[in-house]
Protein backbone atom coordinates (compact mmCIF):
# COMPACT_ATOMS: atom_id res chain seq x y z
CA MET A 1 -0.11 0.03 0.06
CA GLY A 2 3.13 2.30 -0.43
CA ALA A 3 3.44 4.78 -3.38
CA ARG A 4 6.67 6.37 -4.02
CA THR A 5 6.75 10.15 -3.61
CA GLN A 6 9.34 12.66 -4.97
CA ALA A 7 9.60 14.86 -1.83
CA GLY A 8 11.01 12.07 0.71
CA GLY A 9 11.53 8.13 0.40
CA GLY A 10 11.27 8.22 -3.47
CA ARG A 11 7.38 8.35 -3.22
CA ILE A 12 5.42 10.61 -5.82
CA ALA A 13 3.20 12.95 -4.07
CA LEU A 14 0.69 12.81 -7.07
CA PHE A 15 -0.51 9.21 -6.02
CA ASP A 16 -0.15 9.98 -2.24
CA ASN A 17 -2.28 12.86 -2.96
CA LEU A 18 -4.85 10.37 -4.62
CA LYS A 19 -4.99 8.01 -2.16
CA GLY A 20 -5.19 10.64 0.48
CA MET A 21 -8.68 11.88 -1.23
CA LEU A 22 -9.99 8.34 -1.78
CA ILE A 23 -9.18 7.15 2.19
CA ILE A 24 -11.03 10.47 2.85
CA LEU A 25 -14.30 9.24 0.79
CA VAL A 26 -13.76 5.59 2.39
CA VAL A 27 -14.30 7.13 5.87
CA VAL A 28 -17.37 9.54 4.74
CA GLY A 29 -18.90 6.31 2.95
CA HIS A 30 -18.48 3.93 5.91
CA VAL A 31 -19.63 6.61 8.74
CA MET A 32 -22.67 7.70 6.82
CA HIS A 33 -23.38 4.01 5.82
CA PRO A 34 -26.04 3.26 8.77
CA VAL A 35 -28.35 6.27 7.85
CA HIS A 36 -27.44 7.10 4.31
CA SER A 37 -30.76 5.65 2.98
CA GLU A 38 -32.84 7.76 5.40
CA ASN A 39 -30.98 11.23 4.16
CA PRO A 40 -31.37 12.33 0.81
CA ALA A 41 -28.49 14.54 0.95
CA LEU A 42 -26.26 11.46 2.29
CA SER A 43 -27.96 8.81 -0.02
CA THR A 44 -27.13 11.12 -3.15
CA LEU A 45 -23.21 11.86 -1.62
CA PHE A 46 -23.09 8.07 -0.83
CA ASP A 47 -23.85 6.93 -4.48
CA LEU A 48 -21.48 9.53 -5.96
CA ILE A 49 -18.63 8.23 -3.84
CA TYR A 50 -19.35 4.49 -4.23
CA LEU A 51 -19.57 5.08 -7.91
CA PHE A 52 -15.99 4.97 -8.22
CA HIS A 53 -13.67 5.37 -5.22
CA MET A 54 -13.22 1.38 -4.64
CA PRO A 55 -12.11 0.91 -8.51
CA LEU A 56 -9.82 3.88 -8.42
CA PHE A 57 -8.20 2.40 -4.91
CA VAL A 58 -7.96 -1.07 -5.99
CA LEU A 59 -6.13 0.33 -9.42
CA LEU A 60 -3.86 1.97 -7.23
CA SER A 61 -3.01 -0.89 -5.07
CA GLY A 62 -2.21 -2.88 -8.31
CA LEU A 63 0.08 0.20 -9.82
CA PHE A 64 2.10 -0.48 -6.35
CA ALA A 65 2.13 -4.27 -6.40
CA LYS A 66 4.72 -4.63 -9.04
CA GLY A 67 7.13 -6.24 -6.24
CA ALA A 68 4.75 -8.79 -5.64
CA TRP A 69 6.08 -11.10 -8.00
CA ARG A 70 9.69 -11.09 -9.10
CA PRO A 71 10.54 -13.07 -12.16
CA ALA A 72 13.99 -14.82 -11.91
CA ALA A 73 16.89 -13.12 -14.02
CA ASP A 74 18.25 -16.56 -14.93
CA GLY A 75 14.61 -18.06 -16.16
CA GLY A 76 14.44 -20.24 -13.17
CA HIS A 77 11.93 -20.06 -10.43
CA GLY A 78 10.24 -16.54 -9.69
CA ARG A 79 9.67 -15.23 -6.21
CA LEU A 80 6.55 -14.38 -4.76
CA ASN A 81 6.32 -11.92 -1.76
CA VAL A 82 4.76 -14.74 0.39
CA ASN A 83 5.49 -12.96 3.61
CA ARG A 84 3.01 -9.81 2.44
CA ILE A 85 0.68 -12.22 1.37
CA ILE A 86 0.46 -13.76 4.87
CA SER A 87 0.50 -10.47 6.54
CA PHE A 88 -2.68 -9.30 4.42
CA VAL A 89 -4.42 -12.65 5.35
CA VAL A 90 -3.51 -12.00 9.37
CA LEU A 91 -4.20 -8.72 9.31
CA GLY A 92 -7.53 -9.08 7.66
CA LEU A 93 -8.46 -12.03 9.82
CA ALA A 94 -7.53 -9.69 13.17
CA TYR A 95 -9.46 -7.07 11.72
CA GLN A 96 -12.57 -9.12 11.23
CA VAL A 97 -12.32 -10.69 14.43
CA ALA A 98 -12.27 -7.43 16.14
CA LEU A 99 -15.42 -6.09 14.27
CA LEU A 100 -17.13 -9.25 15.16
CA ALA A 101 -16.30 -8.73 18.53
CA ILE A 102 -17.60 -5.18 18.68
CA ASN A 103 -20.78 -6.34 16.92
CA GLY A 104 -21.23 -9.13 19.34
CA MET A 105 -21.38 -11.78 16.68
CA LEU A 106 -17.88 -13.38 17.35
CA LEU A 107 -19.21 -16.09 19.67
CA GLU A 108 -22.95 -16.18 18.63
CA GLN A 109 -21.67 -16.83 15.01
CA PRO A 110 -17.97 -17.90 14.93
CA GLY A 111 -18.58 -18.98 11.28
CA ARG A 112 -19.02 -15.30 10.17
CA ILE A 113 -15.13 -14.97 10.49
CA LEU A 114 -14.72 -16.37 7.02
CA LEU A 115 -17.39 -14.36 5.50
CA PHE A 116 -15.75 -11.15 4.79
CA SER A 117 -19.03 -8.76 3.78
CA SER A 118 -17.48 -5.76 5.49
CA ALA A 119 -14.19 -3.77 5.30
CA PRO A 120 -11.79 -6.22 5.99
CA TRP A 121 -12.53 -7.79 2.64
CA TYR A 122 -10.16 -5.81 1.10
CA LEU A 123 -7.12 -7.25 2.80
CA ILE A 124 -8.09 -10.44 1.93
CA ALA A 125 -8.66 -9.49 -1.41
CA MET A 126 -5.28 -8.09 -1.51
CA ALA A 127 -3.76 -11.34 -0.54
CA TRP A 128 -5.58 -13.11 -3.26
CA TRP A 129 -4.54 -10.34 -5.89
CA TYR A 130 -0.93 -10.77 -4.93
CA LEU A 131 -0.95 -14.50 -5.41
CA MET A 132 -2.29 -13.78 -9.01
CA THR A 133 0.60 -11.41 -9.88
CA PRO A 134 2.62 -14.41 -11.25
CA ALA A 135 -0.11 -15.27 -13.71
CA LEU A 136 -0.87 -11.69 -14.49
CA ALA A 137 3.04 -11.02 -15.32
CA LYS A 138 2.98 -14.38 -17.58
CA LEU A 139 -0.15 -13.17 -19.36
CA GLY A 140 1.18 -9.93 -20.33
CA PRO A 141 -1.20 -6.68 -20.59
CA ALA A 142 -3.49 -7.84 -23.65
CA ARG A 143 -4.04 -11.22 -22.49
CA GLY A 144 -4.17 -10.61 -18.80
CA MET A 145 -6.34 -7.84 -19.18
CA ALA A 146 -8.88 -10.03 -21.32
CA VAL A 147 -8.69 -12.73 -18.68
CA ALA A 148 -9.38 -10.48 -15.53
CA LEU A 149 -12.38 -8.89 -17.37
CA ALA A 150 -13.76 -12.18 -18.72
CA ALA A 151 -13.18 -13.60 -14.75
CA SER A 152 -15.26 -10.37 -13.62
CA LEU A 153 -18.05 -10.60 -15.96
CA ALA A 154 -18.30 -14.57 -15.58
CA TRP A 155 -18.16 -14.15 -11.70
CA GLY A 156 -21.34 -12.12 -11.62
CA CYS A 157 -23.40 -15.45 -12.43
CA VAL A 158 -22.12 -16.65 -9.00
CA ASP A 159 -24.04 -15.84 -5.92
CA MET A 160 -21.60 -15.63 -3.09
CA SER A 161 -22.60 -12.11 -1.69
CA ARG A 162 -22.29 -13.21 1.98
CA GLY A 163 -18.63 -12.59 1.40
CA PHE A 164 -17.00 -16.20 1.64
CA LEU A 165 -13.29 -15.55 1.59
CA ALA A 166 -13.97 -12.19 -0.16
CA LEU A 167 -14.23 -13.86 -3.35
CA SER A 168 -16.78 -12.02 -5.14
CA ARG A 169 -15.19 -8.82 -4.54
CA THR A 170 -11.88 -10.03 -5.47
CA PHE A 171 -13.10 -11.26 -8.86
CA ALA A 172 -15.38 -8.06 -9.44
CA PHE A 173 -12.69 -5.85 -8.78
CA LEU A 174 -9.82 -8.01 -10.67
CA PRO A 175 -9.60 -5.72 -13.71
CA CYS A 176 -8.91 -2.64 -11.96
CA PHE A 177 -6.23 -4.74 -9.94
CA ALA A 178 -4.65 -5.85 -13.42
CA LEU A 179 -4.88 -2.48 -14.92
CA GLY A 180 -3.08 -0.84 -12.21
CA TYR A 181 -0.31 -3.82 -12.28
CA TYR A 182 0.31 -3.16 -15.90
CA LEU A 183 0.55 0.53 -15.81
CA THR A 184 3.23 2.55 -14.56
CA THR A 185 3.64 5.84 -12.62
CA GLU A 186 5.46 7.26 -15.60
CA ARG A 187 2.50 6.35 -18.01
CA LEU A 188 -0.09 7.76 -15.52
CA MET A 189 1.66 11.14 -15.34
CA ARG A 190 1.91 11.66 -18.70
CA LEU A 191 -1.93 10.89 -19.19
CA ARG A 192 -2.53 13.28 -16.58
CA GLN A 193 -0.96 16.10 -18.63
CA ARG A 194 -2.93 15.76 -21.37
CA PRO A 195 -5.73 18.69 -22.03
CA THR A 196 -8.05 16.08 -23.54
CA LEU A 197 -8.25 14.70 -19.98
CA TRP A 198 -10.67 17.82 -19.25
CA LEU A 199 -13.29 15.91 -21.07
CA ALA A 200 -13.27 13.39 -18.57
CA VAL A 201 -13.77 15.98 -15.82
CA ALA A 202 -16.59 17.28 -17.68
CA ALA A 203 -17.98 13.85 -18.55
CA ALA A 204 -17.63 12.97 -14.68
CA ALA A 205 -19.52 16.27 -13.27
CA LEU A 206 -22.50 15.27 -15.97
CA ILE A 207 -22.76 11.77 -14.42
CA MET A 208 -22.77 12.90 -11.06
CA LEU A 209 -25.14 15.67 -12.22
CA ALA A 210 -27.24 13.20 -13.17
CA ARG A 211 -27.40 11.37 -9.63
CA ILE A 212 -28.16 14.89 -8.19
CA VAL A 213 -30.86 15.59 -10.36
CA ASP A 214 -32.38 12.20 -10.41
CA GLU A 215 -32.13 9.89 -7.27
CA HIS A 216 -32.90 7.03 -9.57
CA ALA A 217 -30.30 7.49 -12.09
CA TYR A 218 -28.03 4.72 -10.97
CA ASP A 219 -30.83 2.02 -10.50
CA ALA A 220 -29.98 0.15 -13.54
CA PHE A 221 -26.33 -0.96 -12.36
CA PHE A 222 -25.54 0.58 -8.63
CA PRO A 223 -25.94 -2.71 -6.71
CA LEU A 224 -22.84 -3.75 -8.58
CA VAL A 225 -20.54 -1.09 -7.37
CA TYR A 226 -20.23 -3.10 -4.09
CA GLY A 227 -18.48 -5.99 -6.09
CA ASP A 228 -20.50 -8.86 -4.25
CA ASN A 229 -23.98 -8.45 -5.77
CA PRO A 230 -24.47 -11.21 -8.49
CA TYR A 231 -26.49 -10.59 -11.36
CA ASP A 232 -29.70 -11.90 -10.38
CA ASP A 233 -30.13 -8.76 -8.06
CA LEU A 234 -30.35 -6.74 -11.05
CA GLU A 235 -33.43 -6.05 -13.47
CA LEU A 236 -32.92 -7.12 -16.76
CA LEU A 237 -32.11 -4.39 -19.41
CA THR A 238 -34.83 -4.04 -22.00
CA ILE A 239 -32.70 -5.53 -24.94
CA ALA A 240 -32.41 -8.52 -22.93
CA GLU A 241 -36.16 -9.25 -22.05
CA THR A 242 -37.04 -10.96 -25.02
CA MET A 243 -33.92 -13.36 -25.03
CA PRO A 244 -34.16 -16.82 -23.83
CA ALA A 245 -33.76 -16.93 -19.89
CA ALA A 246 -30.73 -18.65 -19.77
CA LEU A 247 -29.02 -15.96 -21.76
CA ALA A 248 -30.89 -12.89 -20.76
CA GLU A 249 -29.40 -12.46 -16.94
CA PRO A 250 -26.10 -13.22 -17.89
CA LEU A 251 -25.76 -10.80 -20.64
CA SER A 252 -28.10 -8.20 -19.00
CA GLY A 253 -25.71 -8.56 -16.25
CA ALA A 254 -22.34 -8.19 -18.40
CA VAL A 255 -23.48 -5.21 -19.89
CA GLN A 256 -24.53 -3.21 -16.54
CA LYS A 257 -20.95 -4.52 -15.08
CA LEU A 258 -19.07 -3.02 -18.14
CA LEU A 259 -21.38 0.14 -17.41
CA THR A 260 -20.15 0.21 -14.02
CA LEU A 261 -16.57 -0.03 -14.79
CA GLY A 262 -16.76 2.59 -17.71
CA LEU A 263 -18.36 5.07 -15.41
CA ALA A 264 -15.75 4.06 -12.62
CA GLY A 265 -13.00 4.75 -15.25
CA VAL A 266 -14.38 8.04 -16.35
CA CYS A 267 -14.73 9.54 -12.79
CA SER A 268 -11.25 7.84 -11.97
CA LEU A 269 -9.78 9.82 -15.03
CA ALA A 270 -11.21 12.89 -13.46
CA ALA A 271 -9.95 12.18 -10.21
CA LEU A 272 -6.60 11.57 -11.65
CA LYS A 273 -6.61 15.13 -13.71
CA LEU A 274 -7.82 17.31 -10.63
CA ALA A 275 -5.28 15.74 -7.86
CA PRO A 276 -2.83 18.11 -6.76
CA LYS A 277 0.90 17.22 -7.41
CA ARG A 278 2.36 19.26 -4.61
CA ARG A 279 3.16 17.41 -0.96
CA PHE A 280 0.83 18.86 1.76
CA TRP A 281 -1.28 17.39 4.56
CA LEU A 282 -3.16 15.37 1.82
CA THR A 283 0.19 13.65 0.90
CA THR A 284 0.89 12.45 4.39
CA LEU A 285 -2.71 11.12 4.76
CA GLY A 286 -1.98 9.13 1.62
CA GLU A 287 0.96 7.36 3.19
CA ARG A 288 -0.90 6.31 6.14
CA THR A 289 -4.18 4.82 4.37
CA LEU A 290 -3.74 1.22 5.85
CA GLN A 291 -4.04 2.37 9.57
CA VAL A 292 -7.06 4.79 8.89
CA TYR A 293 -8.65 2.17 6.60
CA VAL A 294 -8.45 -0.40 9.66
CA LEU A 295 -9.12 1.88 12.46
CA HIS A 296 -11.56 4.03 11.29
CA ARG A 297 -14.23 0.89 10.70
CA ILE A 298 -13.63 -0.20 14.10
CA ILE A 299 -14.57 3.25 15.59
CA ARG A 300 -17.82 3.24 13.44
CA ALA A 301 -18.66 -0.44 14.53
CA TRP A 302 -18.43 0.93 18.21
CA LEU A 303 -20.45 4.17 17.49
CA THR A 304 -23.20 1.85 15.89
CA PHE A 305 -23.35 -1.08 18.28
CA HIS A 306 -22.25 0.86 21.69
CA THR A 307 -23.64 4.25 21.38
CA PRO A 308 -26.91 5.95 20.74
CA PHE A 309 -25.24 7.94 18.02
CA TYR A 310 -26.95 6.81 15.11
CA SER A 311 -30.40 7.07 16.47
CA TRP A 312 -29.87 10.57 16.76
CA PRO A 313 -33.03 12.37 14.82
CA LEU A 314 -31.09 15.00 13.52
CA LEU A 315 -28.87 12.72 11.43
CA LEU A 316 -32.00 12.40 9.11
CA GLU A 317 -32.52 15.96 8.52
CA PRO A 318 -30.48 16.82 5.08
CA VAL A 319 -28.32 19.51 5.58
CA PRO A 320 -27.59 19.20 9.52
CA GLY A 321 -27.08 15.64 9.12
CA LEU A 322 -24.54 16.07 5.97
CA LEU A 323 -22.66 18.56 8.16
CA ILE A 324 -22.49 16.22 11.44
CA ILE A 325 -21.39 13.22 9.13
CA LEU A 326 -18.54 14.94 7.48
CA GLY A 327 -17.34 16.66 10.76
CA LEU A 328 -17.21 13.35 12.52
CA SER A 329 -15.62 11.81 9.17
CA ALA A 330 -12.92 14.51 9.44
CA ALA A 331 -12.47 13.86 12.92
CA ILE A 332 -12.14 10.07 12.70
CA THR A 333 -9.69 10.62 9.75
CA ALA A 334 -7.26 12.78 11.52
CA VAL A 335 -7.19 10.70 14.86
CA THR A 336 -6.82 7.26 12.93
CA ALA A 337 -4.07 8.97 10.70
CA LEU A 338 -1.76 10.21 13.95
CA PRO A 339 1.95 9.08 13.54
CA VAL A 340 1.51 7.20 16.53
CA PHE A 341 -0.24 4.17 14.75
CA SER A 342 2.11 4.45 11.50
CA ARG A 343 4.99 2.47 12.93
CA PRO A 344 2.96 -0.49 14.20
CA PHE A 345 1.11 -1.05 10.99
CA SER A 346 4.48 -0.52 8.91
CA ARG A 347 6.43 -3.11 10.92
CA PHE A 348 3.49 -5.51 10.89
CA LEU A 349 3.24 -5.55 6.98
CA ALA A 350 7.26 -5.92 7.07
CA ILE A 351 7.15 -9.15 9.30
CA ARG A 352 9.01 -12.22 7.59
CA TRP A 353 6.80 -14.90 8.59
CA LEU A 354 8.76 -17.51 6.50
CA PRO A 355 12.38 -17.42 6.34
CA GLU A 356 14.32 -16.36 3.26
CA ARG A 357 16.12 -18.98 1.11
CA ARG A 358 19.87 -18.78 0.79
CA GLY A 359 21.05 -16.35 -1.66
CA GLU A 360 17.78 -14.22 -1.72
CA THR A 361 17.18 -10.87 0.01
CA GLU A 362 13.87 -9.17 0.97
CA TYR A 363 12.24 -6.67 -0.95
CA ARG A 364 9.57 -4.19 -0.24
CA SER A 365 6.34 -3.77 -2.69
């Protein structure tokens, strides 16, 4: 989860700024989640956030996962960063256990430990994606993207919406990870410089305006933005209604999935164009996304199950509710991004769970 920046540690500020922007959206989306459907202002903001924030976050994860697999220079066996994969799994499981304990479900429903329907899914998916990097590297960009997209589209026919081992979201967002894996920071920075990218900004503004004007603008595809909803949760497109039943649902779902990815892509290009390049507080936040991602959701769970906060009627009022949620999200982000939490998470990801083979050296991704 590390991006290199120009100002320090070899990191590129632009990408840390993007990650900082995205983790803010993650926090806001999660903090409003318990009440967003009952507040029209929060509902609109929620839909706009979920339209693109996770696809872009996954793409950035792929962009900086080049070190997950290191091919052997002599044509022998390559090297997979197994230690990092184990770290993702262990942290994901610990995160899951913490949330279940706060929710009061850990002892009542221990089987839920393997059902990643909440925030820990991302860490388990990262482990899966890292495991796939040898295949992505061998396939190359053209074949790799084709396989990733085909797998994502086909997986929509499978109903594993309960989140077993985060498999549905792993495959749903696989094209985003693969695209990031094949891209380079240099290529994205050159793309950002193109004046034509302002067209993406204008298109993204129109896409978002459509939802602001019409609360049903995203109804045709929106369940797919979560990554774990199967095609049978969707209404068939008009073009598929006259087709045989065996073909109608997969074809309609695939078209809606492509629409979802396309809209996310347009909004992601707009975010790339608009993200600042200089180093400032947002850059620092982008360097600490892992700790914010884990800790903020634990705070949200505690607020949900151990305080009356989400029963507060004022949260259902459009403007006051929006301001309260934004203020609370800002406070949670600031606290969870404190430097005191950085070292424990960095050290955890750097743990060598397995000994190195002779002649090998540890690397960082």
